[in-house]
Structures are given as C-alpha cells and as structure tokens.
Amino acid sequence: MRFADALARRPLVLDGGLSNELEAAGHDLSDALWSARLLADRPDAIEAAHRAYYEAGADVAITASYQATYEGFARHGIDARRTSELLRLSMALARRAGDGLGRQVWVAASAGPYGAMLADGSEYRGRYGLSVAELERFHRPRLETLAAARPDVLALETVPDTDEARALLRAVRGLGVPAWLSYSVAGDRTRAGQPLDEAFALAADADEVIAVGVNCCDPRDAGAAVALAARVTGKAVVVYPNSGERWDAEARMWRGPARFAAGQVAGWRTAGARLVGGCCRVGPETIARVASELSEPSKPSEPPELSAPDRPAGRDV
C-alpha cells in the first residue's frame, strides 16, 4: 500500500529519537556528525535501533540521514561518492529493519535543516544569513540522492524558519516522492520567531507535501500547533515532539524535566494529527504507548497548553 493511502486510512505511528536509542546501546555520538557517523562506522547499530522502534509498534522509521550532508561529510574527509553511498545506505538500513515483521511498514528519508550540518545549535534559531536560493542549492543534491533511493516519504524536519521552508519546498519539486514539512516551534511561532500560521500556509498549495506539522518541540506546544496546521493547510498533520528536555548545544547535553506523555496523543489526534511519534529522548517504550493510544477510538481532549514562547527545544539525529 502506498504511504499516502495508508495515511488516509488510519493514523500512523512514527518512531522516536534515533540518537538516544544508539546512546542507550553504548555508542558515542559526541562528534559533529552525531548519529550520521555510524552510517560509516556501525551501520548494524542503526539497523538495530530502527528495528527496536518497529517492534515497539512504529509504522514509520525515519532514516539516519538528518545530519548526513555532502558538506558535513566532506569536513570529515568523506568524498561525494561515498556520501551518496551512505545516504542510500540510510534507506537500506531502515528497509532491512522492517523485514520479517509480518506487517507493512514505511520509511521516511530525513532531511534536516542547514543548521544541523553546522552542529552549533543554529538549527534551533534559523536565520543563517543565507538566501532562499542558497538554501535550496544546499538541500537539493541530498534530496535528489535520497529520492532516488525510493523512500515512501521525505521528512523535511526540524525546520526553524520560513526561509528554509521555502527553500525545501522548492527543492522537493519534481522529485516524484511525497514529503512532510515539520517545523521546530516555540509557542505559536517558529524557532526564528515567525507566526506559525504563516509558516504552515507556505505548504498549503504544495502538491508534493502530504502532511504538515511540528517536531522536536516542547510537547505542551504540540496540540495547538496541530490544530493550527490542520486549519491553515487542510492537510494531514504530523507531530513528534521531543521529551520536553532542552538541548544545551555548548555543553552538548540535555537539561530540564521530561514532559512527553502518551496520554497527550488522544488530544493531538482529535486536533487532526495523522502521523504521531516522538523526537529527541523519546524511546521505544514511549512509542509503544503511543501506538497503544492510537489504536484506541478517537475521543475528546482538553484544550492544549502552550509553553512560554522563549522555551528552548531540541532535536536529535
């Protein structure tokens, strides 16, 4: 079944944070490539992490290509040909992880923002000083390689501002693969401070985009964003917040309390969410509970609570 058809039939469960599952298995992700380094060094570990999420009930695995870019790998002495191989490998690992499950699963090819390549926390601020055309030139080669590997959907994720959203929407044109666009947000604004209704509206008429929403945000911001995305775009909504902890880019560690609770899923679903999972610090046990919640009949929910607009968020890879 095609991904879009499955999405029309029922809500689908996304996986959780890839890096926290890899770290739990004892892998060091402290360098600038983060989990993308393991595409070259320990691909078996990435496949095992994907498998853990599938076995927890995820319908969709998001590939380890979030921070895998031609420019980022070049800084580590990896040439363009090998980078293309590693991008294709990210797809193959997610596919293989789903073998033998006895049910259909899907693969979303991750494309993170420009700031993820910089590995300095700017992916949570945006406004890099680049034009939309320059950002499009950065994203297009990687998206072409990923699309050629035939994912079920492209995950344009953790987008911090509308300039990068415009660039990504241009970059996916003509690739022949559907995409979702998800912003990282704070309150009712993008991480760069733009009104979220205006940000969502950019994707309303993009034929390639089949879902719009948010990821790697405080879970308390998710419900209002889901409802807004559904209202503004009329498309399916994707939502996968982080745990609610905050990423300290300088110290390279997580701070603050976890706030993700599977009980929030019913409210997101009622507000229009069709793709639901977790991002940073959300592991297989929580995804299993999300899957259980989504299997229940839809029910009314309380109005979502917004967190303070300046509350930081995070994203793993």
Protein backbone atom coordinates (compact mmCIF):
# COMPACT_ATOMS: atom_id res chain seq x y z
CA MET A 1 0.00 0.00 0.00
CA ARG A 2 1.26 3.46 -0.83
CA PHE A 3 2.14 5.70 2.08
CA ALA A 4 -0.47 8.32 1.21
CA ASP A 5 -3.18 5.66 1.02
CA ALA A 6 -2.19 4.23 4.41
CA LEU A 7 -2.23 7.72 5.89
CA ALA A 8 -5.76 8.25 4.60
CA ARG A 9 -6.93 5.02 6.21
CA ARG A 10 -5.67 5.48 9.75
CA PRO A 11 -3.20 7.41 11.92
CA LEU A 12 0.35 6.07 11.60
CA VAL A 13 2.91 5.72 14.39
CA LEU A 14 6.31 7.32 13.86
CA ASP A 15 9.44 6.17 15.63
CA GLY A 16 11.25 8.07 18.39
CA GLY A 17 14.69 9.60 18.85
CA LEU A 18 17.38 7.69 17.00
CA SER A 19 20.36 9.08 18.88
CA ASN A 20 19.01 8.27 22.33
CA GLU A 21 18.46 4.65 21.28
CA LEU A 22 22.01 4.49 19.91
CA GLU A 23 23.45 6.08 23.05
CA ALA A 24 21.50 3.63 25.20
CA ALA A 25 23.30 0.86 23.30
CA GLY A 26 26.63 2.42 24.28
CA HIS A 27 27.58 4.36 21.16
CA ASP A 28 29.44 7.68 21.45
CA LEU A 29 27.72 10.41 19.42
CA SER A 30 29.78 13.33 20.63
CA ASP A 31 31.28 14.44 17.32
CA ALA A 32 29.75 16.86 14.82
CA LEU A 33 28.28 14.12 12.62
CA TRP A 34 26.34 12.71 15.58
CA SER A 35 24.45 9.54 14.62
CA ALA A 36 25.25 10.01 10.91
CA ARG A 37 28.82 8.90 11.74
CA LEU A 38 27.51 5.42 12.47
CA LEU A 39 26.34 5.06 8.86
CA ALA A 40 30.02 4.56 8.08
CA ASP A 41 31.25 3.07 11.36
CA ARG A 42 28.40 0.92 12.72
CA PRO A 43 25.52 0.55 10.27
CA ASP A 44 24.38 -2.55 12.17
CA ALA A 45 23.70 -0.37 15.21
CA ILE A 46 21.44 1.93 13.19
CA GLU A 47 19.53 -1.04 11.79
CA ALA A 48 19.07 -2.41 15.32
CA ALA A 49 17.73 0.95 16.54
CA HIS A 50 15.20 1.07 13.70
CA ARG A 51 14.17 -2.49 14.49
CA ALA A 52 13.59 -1.62 18.15
CA TYR A 53 11.11 1.07 17.15
CA TYR A 54 9.33 -1.16 14.65
CA GLU A 55 9.00 -3.84 17.32
CA ALA A 56 7.61 -1.22 19.70
CA GLY A 57 4.79 -0.55 17.22
CA ALA A 58 6.13 2.15 14.91
CA ASP A 59 4.75 2.10 11.39
CA VAL A 60 7.33 4.53 10.04
CA ALA A 61 11.10 4.67 10.52
CA ILE A 62 12.90 7.96 9.92
CA THR A 63 16.34 7.40 8.41
CA ALA A 64 19.69 8.33 9.94
CA SER A 65 20.28 10.98 7.26
CA TYR A 66 19.16 14.01 9.29
CA GLN A 67 22.73 15.23 9.74
CA ALA A 68 24.19 13.41 6.73
CA THR A 69 25.15 16.06 4.18
CA TYR A 70 27.73 16.35 1.43
CA GLU A 71 29.29 19.35 3.16
CA GLY A 72 29.32 17.78 6.61
CA PHE A 73 30.88 14.54 5.47
CA ALA A 74 33.44 16.45 3.34
CA ARG A 75 34.70 18.11 6.52
CA HIS A 76 35.48 14.63 7.81
CA GLY A 77 37.33 13.58 4.65
CA ILE A 78 34.44 11.68 3.05
CA ASP A 79 34.03 12.44 -0.64
CA ALA A 80 30.80 12.99 -2.56
CA ARG A 81 30.65 9.47 -4.00
CA ARG A 82 30.95 7.87 -0.57
CA THR A 83 28.46 10.34 0.87
CA SER A 84 25.92 9.30 -1.76
CA GLU A 85 26.54 5.67 -0.79
CA LEU A 86 25.95 6.47 2.87
CA LEU A 87 22.73 8.35 2.10
CA ARG A 88 21.47 5.34 0.14
CA LEU A 89 22.61 3.07 2.96
CA SER A 90 20.46 5.03 5.42
CA MET A 91 17.46 3.98 3.35
CA ALA A 92 18.57 0.36 3.06
CA LEU A 93 19.07 0.02 6.81
CA ALA A 94 15.58 1.28 7.60
CA ARG A 95 14.12 -1.06 4.97
CA ARG A 96 16.01 -4.10 6.25
CA ALA A 97 15.00 -3.36 9.82
CA GLY A 98 11.38 -3.88 8.82
CA ASP A 99 11.91 -7.27 7.21
CA GLY A 100 10.05 -10.20 8.73
CA LEU A 101 7.69 -8.17 10.89
CA GLY A 102 4.59 -9.64 9.32
CA ARG A 103 3.07 -6.23 8.64
CA GLN A 104 3.71 -3.36 6.29
CA VAL A 105 5.94 -0.55 7.47
CA TRP A 106 7.22 2.59 5.74
CA VAL A 107 10.45 4.58 5.54
CA ALA A 108 10.77 8.37 5.75
CA ALA A 109 14.04 9.78 4.42
CA SER A 110 15.15 12.51 6.81
CA ALA A 111 16.46 15.86 5.61
CA GLY A 112 17.40 18.11 8.49
CA PRO A 113 17.94 21.88 8.31
CA TYR A 114 21.12 23.65 7.24
CA GLY A 115 21.96 24.35 10.87
CA ALA A 116 22.20 20.62 11.62
CA MET A 117 25.22 20.46 9.33
CA LEU A 118 26.85 23.30 11.28
CA ALA A 119 26.38 21.33 14.55
CA ASP A 120 26.38 24.53 16.60
CA GLY A 121 22.76 24.72 17.72
CA SER A 122 21.75 27.13 14.94
CA GLU A 123 19.19 24.63 13.69
CA TYR A 124 17.07 25.86 16.62
CA ARG A 125 17.44 29.50 15.65
CA GLY A 126 17.44 29.62 11.84
CA ARG A 127 18.18 32.91 10.07
CA TYR A 128 21.59 31.72 8.90
CA GLY A 129 22.27 34.74 6.71
CA LEU A 130 21.70 32.71 3.54
CA SER A 131 19.17 33.45 0.83
CA VAL A 132 16.35 31.08 -0.07
CA ALA A 133 18.18 30.28 -3.31
CA GLU A 134 21.38 29.42 -1.43
CA LEU A 135 19.49 27.16 0.95
CA GLU A 136 17.77 25.45 -1.97
CA ARG A 137 21.17 24.75 -3.57
CA PHE A 138 22.34 23.23 -0.29
CA HIS A 139 19.33 20.93 0.12
CA ARG A 140 18.66 19.81 -3.45
CA PRO A 141 21.60 17.37 -4.03
CA ARG A 142 20.93 15.41 -0.84
CA LEU A 143 17.20 15.30 -1.55
CA GLU A 144 17.86 14.06 -5.08
CA THR A 145 20.03 11.23 -3.74
CA LEU A 146 17.50 10.28 -1.08
CA ALA A 147 14.60 10.42 -3.53
CA ALA A 148 16.45 8.16 -5.97
CA ALA A 149 16.64 5.54 -3.19
CA ARG A 150 12.81 5.47 -3.27
CA PRO A 151 11.68 6.26 0.26
CA ASP A 152 7.97 6.24 0.95
CA VAL A 153 8.11 9.87 2.00
CA LEU A 154 10.69 12.62 2.54
CA ALA A 155 10.79 14.04 6.08
CA LEU A 156 11.68 17.74 5.84
CA GLU A 157 12.07 18.13 9.55
CA THR A 158 13.03 20.45 12.39
CA VAL A 159 12.71 23.46 10.10
CA PRO A 160 13.38 26.61 12.18
CA ASP A 161 12.19 29.37 9.87
CA THR A 162 10.15 30.22 6.81
CA ASP A 163 13.14 30.98 4.56
CA GLU A 164 14.34 27.41 4.93
CA ALA A 165 10.80 26.10 4.46
CA ARG A 166 10.54 27.99 1.17
CA ALA A 167 13.89 26.55 0.08
CA LEU A 168 12.87 22.99 0.96
CA LEU A 169 9.53 23.33 -0.79
CA ARG A 170 11.37 24.41 -3.94
CA ALA A 171 13.97 21.65 -3.54
CA VAL A 172 11.42 18.79 -3.48
CA ARG A 173 9.67 19.86 -6.68
CA GLY A 174 9.82 17.23 -9.39
CA LEU A 175 11.44 14.53 -7.26
CA GLY A 176 8.44 12.24 -7.51
CA VAL A 177 8.32 11.45 -3.78
CA PRO A 178 5.74 12.85 -1.33
CA ALA A 179 7.04 14.85 1.61
CA TRP A 180 6.05 16.13 5.01
CA LEU A 181 7.19 19.50 6.33
CA SER A 182 7.58 19.91 10.08
CA TYR A 183 8.76 22.96 11.98
CA SER A 184 10.53 23.23 15.31
CA VAL A 185 8.49 25.75 17.26
CA ALA A 186 8.24 27.71 20.49
CA GLY A 187 4.70 28.58 21.47
CA ASP A 188 2.81 29.82 18.41
CA ARG A 189 5.92 30.79 16.43
CA THR A 190 8.75 29.16 14.54
CA ARG A 191 12.05 28.96 16.35
CA ALA A 192 13.06 32.05 14.36
CA GLY A 193 10.02 33.90 15.71
CA GLN A 194 7.69 33.96 12.69
CA PRO A 195 3.94 33.41 13.17
CA LEU A 196 3.20 29.74 12.83
CA ASP A 197 0.04 30.22 10.79
CA GLU A 198 2.09 32.00 8.11
CA ALA A 199 4.71 29.25 8.22
CA PHE A 200 2.15 26.49 7.73
CA ALA A 201 0.44 28.41 4.93
CA LEU A 202 3.57 28.10 2.77
CA ALA A 203 2.84 24.38 2.34
CA ALA A 204 -0.91 24.65 1.78
CA ASP A 205 -0.65 24.64 -2.02
CA ALA A 206 2.47 22.47 -2.37
CA ASP A 207 1.32 19.32 -4.15
CA GLU A 208 4.39 17.37 -3.01
CA VAL A 209 3.59 17.95 0.66
CA ILE A 210 1.07 15.48 2.09
CA ALA A 211 1.47 16.40 5.77
CA VAL A 212 2.46 19.50 7.73
CA GLY A 213 3.21 19.91 11.41
CA VAL A 214 5.85 20.13 14.12
CA ASN A 215 8.64 18.09 15.62
CA CYS A 216 11.36 18.47 18.22
CA CYS A 217 9.32 20.94 20.23
CA ASP A 218 8.05 21.01 23.79
CA PRO A 219 5.11 18.55 23.96
CA ARG A 220 2.98 21.28 25.50
CA ASP A 221 3.20 23.27 22.27
CA ALA A 222 2.12 20.37 20.10
CA GLY A 223 -1.66 20.37 20.48
CA ALA A 224 -2.23 23.99 19.49
CA ALA A 225 0.21 23.62 16.58
CA VAL A 226 -1.58 20.50 15.31
CA ALA A 227 -4.94 22.26 15.32
CA LEU A 228 -3.46 25.30 13.57
CA ALA A 229 -1.72 23.21 10.88
CA ALA A 230 -4.94 21.35 10.13
CA ARG A 231 -6.95 24.56 9.91
CA VAL A 232 -4.47 26.51 7.79
CA THR A 233 -3.47 23.80 5.30
CA GLY A 234 -6.31 21.27 5.19
CA LYS A 235 -3.63 18.56 5.01
CA ALA A 236 -2.82 15.64 7.27
CA VAL A 237 -0.81 16.74 10.31
CA VAL A 238 2.46 15.28 11.56
CA VAL A 239 3.55 15.70 15.18
CA TYR A 240 6.54 14.24 17.01
CA PRO A 241 7.72 16.39 19.91
CA ASN A 242 10.83 15.77 21.93
CA SER A 243 10.74 14.77 25.58
CA GLY A 244 10.46 18.38 26.72
CA GLU A 245 14.06 18.48 27.89
CA ARG A 246 16.29 21.24 26.50
CA TRP A 247 19.41 20.68 24.41
CA ASP A 248 22.42 22.69 25.60
CA ALA A 249 24.49 22.99 22.40
CA GLU A 250 27.56 24.34 24.21
CA ALA A 251 27.65 21.60 26.83
CA ARG A 252 26.24 19.02 24.35
CA MET A 253 23.84 17.64 26.91
CA TRP A 254 20.13 17.64 27.80
CA ARG A 255 18.74 19.69 30.64
CA GLY A 256 15.41 20.05 32.43
CA PRO A 257 12.48 17.69 33.05
CA ALA A 258 10.82 15.32 30.58
CA ARG A 259 7.21 16.19 29.75
CA PHE A 260 6.24 13.81 26.94
CA ALA A 261 3.30 11.61 27.96
CA ALA A 262 1.48 9.16 25.72
CA GLY A 263 -1.77 10.41 27.21
CA GLN A 264 -1.31 13.60 25.16
CA VAL A 265 -1.71 11.62 21.95
CA ALA A 266 -5.52 11.50 22.07
CA GLY A 267 -5.67 15.29 22.07
CA TRP A 268 -3.27 15.55 19.13
CA ARG A 269 -5.29 13.00 17.20
CA THR A 270 -8.54 14.82 17.89
CA ALA A 271 -6.91 18.06 16.70
CA GLY A 272 -6.04 16.47 13.36
CA ALA A 273 -2.79 14.52 13.76
CA ARG A 274 -2.35 11.54 11.40
CA LEU A 275 1.38 10.91 11.93
CA VAL A 276 2.35 10.74 15.61
CA GLY A 277 5.61 9.82 17.28
CA GLY A 278 8.49 11.24 19.26
CA CYS A 279 11.74 13.04 18.67
CA CYS A 280 14.76 13.53 20.95
CA ARG A 281 14.81 11.50 24.15
CA VAL A 282 11.60 9.64 23.30
CA GLY A 283 12.41 5.93 23.26
CA PRO A 284 10.77 2.63 22.24
CA GLU A 285 8.83 2.22 25.49
CA THR A 286 7.09 5.56 24.94
CA ILE A 287 6.46 4.77 21.27
CA ALA A 288 4.81 1.52 22.34
CA ARG A 289 2.43 3.56 24.48
CA VAL A 290 1.81 5.98 21.61
CA ALA A 291 0.91 3.01 19.39
CA SER A 292 -1.49 1.77 22.04
CA GLU A 293 -3.14 5.19 22.31
CA LEU A 294 -3.55 5.48 18.54
CA SER A 295 -5.18 2.06 18.40
CA GLU A 296 -7.97 3.32 20.67
CA PRO A 297 -11.08 5.05 19.25
CA SER A 298 -10.72 8.80 18.97
CA LYS A 299 -12.03 10.72 21.98
CA PRO A 300 -12.42 14.37 23.03
CA SER A 301 -9.45 16.13 24.63
CA GLU A 302 -8.80 19.17 26.77
CA PRO A 303 -7.59 22.37 25.05
CA PRO A 304 -3.80 22.21 24.59
CA GLU A 305 -1.50 24.21 26.82
CA LEU A 306 1.12 26.47 25.26
CA SER A 307 4.54 26.77 26.79
CA ALA A 308 6.36 30.08 27.05
CA PRO A 309 7.45 31.34 23.60
CA ASP A 310 11.10 31.53 24.60
CA ARG A 311 11.32 27.98 25.94
CA PRO A 312 14.14 26.18 24.10
CA ALA A 313 13.68 22.86 22.39
CA GLY A 314 15.98 20.30 20.88
CA ARG A 315 16.33 17.70 18.13
CA ASP A 316 18.46 14.63 17.86
CA VAL A 317 19.71 12.82 14.86
